Protein backbone atom coordinates (compact mmCIF):
# COMPACT_ATOMS: atom_id res chain seq x y z
CA MET A 1 -13.82 31.02 -4.94
CA ALA A 2 -13.99 28.39 -1.62
CA GLU A 3 -14.39 24.68 -2.23
CA SER A 4 -17.50 23.51 0.28
CA ALA A 5 -16.81 20.38 2.47
CA SER A 6 -18.51 18.20 -0.35
CA GLU A 7 -16.22 19.11 -2.79
CA GLN A 8 -12.84 18.20 -0.22
CA PRO A 9 -12.00 15.25 -0.47
CA GLU A 10 -12.28 12.27 3.16
CA PHE A 11 -8.93 10.51 4.07
CA LEU A 12 -8.13 7.53 5.58
CA THR A 13 -5.95 6.94 8.82
CA VAL A 14 -2.80 4.22 7.69
CA SER A 15 -5.43 2.03 10.59
CA GLN A 16 -8.20 2.53 8.98
CA ILE A 17 -7.11 1.26 5.25
CA ALA A 18 -5.43 -1.74 7.48
CA ASN A 19 -8.62 -2.54 9.99
CA ARG A 20 -10.35 -2.43 6.71
CA LEU A 21 -8.12 -4.61 4.28
CA GLN A 22 -7.10 -6.93 7.42
CA MET A 23 -3.24 -6.08 7.00
CA SER A 24 -0.69 -4.63 9.36
CA SER A 25 -0.73 -1.27 9.39
CA GLN A 26 3.39 -1.46 8.54
CA ALA A 27 2.06 -2.66 4.99
CA VAL A 28 -0.34 -0.15 4.20
CA ARG A 29 2.92 2.02 5.30
CA SER A 30 5.34 -0.20 2.93
CA TRP A 31 2.97 0.26 -0.14
CA ILE A 32 2.61 4.05 0.20
CA GLU A 33 6.41 3.91 0.63
CA GLU A 34 6.51 2.02 -2.56
CA GLY A 35 3.78 4.21 -4.49
CA ILE A 36 1.66 1.35 -4.74
CA LEU A 37 -0.48 3.19 -2.19
CA PRO A 38 -1.00 7.26 -2.85
CA GLY A 39 -0.42 8.77 0.79
CA ILE A 40 0.37 12.43 1.67
CA ARG A 41 2.03 12.88 5.61
CA VAL A 42 0.80 15.51 8.29
CA ARG A 43 3.75 15.32 10.59
CA LYS A 44 4.91 12.82 11.40
CA VAL A 45 0.94 10.65 10.32
CA TRP A 46 -0.28 8.91 6.58
CA ARG A 47 -3.26 9.96 5.09
CA VAL A 48 -4.76 8.68 2.01
CA ARG A 49 -7.66 10.23 0.28
CA ARG A 50 -10.64 7.72 -0.24
CA GLU A 51 -10.66 7.59 -4.22
CA ASP A 52 -7.01 6.92 -4.19
CA PHE A 53 -8.39 3.57 -1.55
CA GLU A 54 -11.13 2.67 -3.06
CA GLN A 55 -9.32 2.48 -6.90
CA LEU A 56 -7.01 0.10 -5.33
CA LEU A 57 -9.20 -1.23 -4.03
CA ALA A 58 -11.05 -2.20 -7.50
CA SER A 59 -7.72 -2.88 -9.03
CA LEU A 60 -6.63 -5.66 -6.18
CA GLU A 61 -9.70 -7.06 -7.22
CA SER A 62 -9.80 -7.09 -10.84
CA GLY A 63 -5.60 -7.57 -10.60
CA PRO A 64 -4.80 -11.82 -10.42
CA THR A 65 -4.73 -13.05 -7.43
CA ALA A 66 -1.60 -15.22 -5.57
CA ARG A 67 -0.73 -18.31 -5.85
CA ALA A 68 -2.26 -20.85 -4.15
CA GLY A 69 -0.42 -20.10 -0.18
CA GLY A 70 0.12 -16.62 -1.16
CA TRP A 71 3.86 -16.57 -2.36
CA GLU A 72 4.19 -14.73 -5.12
CA GLU A 73 8.25 -14.14 -6.35
CA ARG A 74 9.32 -10.40 -6.32
CA THR A 75 11.92 -8.50 -6.98
CA PRO A 76 14.34 -8.98 -3.33
CA ARG A 77 14.55 -5.61 -1.99
CA ARG A 78 17.45 -3.77 -1.74
CA GLY A 79 20.20 -5.18 0.66
CA PHE A 80 18.60 -8.99 0.60
CA THR A 81 20.78 -11.17 -0.81
CA ASP A 82 19.25 -14.94 -1.58
CA PRO A 83 22.21 -17.08 0.05
CA GLU A 84 20.88 -20.22 -2.72
CA GLU A 85 21.90 -17.27 -6.31
CA SER A 86 25.52 -15.70 -4.58
CA PRO A 87 28.04 -16.61 -5.92
CA VAL A 88 30.26 -19.41 -4.66
CA ARG A 89 33.65 -17.86 -3.22
């Protein structure tokens, strides 16, 4: 049985999400690559189901807020070494 157009998921582009959240497209791509936001890669372009984006928004709105200044401690990216924490040679 064929799906009607109303049953097919609507997809958003990285640019649409970035504009809505007032953040960079690269930050949205990072969320997708890190698994924070589920995405589908179509050739060289990422697409996100509107439903997945709405779920992310809901979790962001109900989750903890950042401390003043917007800095939250997090696990450093691969290959990054904090010079203040590295052992002295």
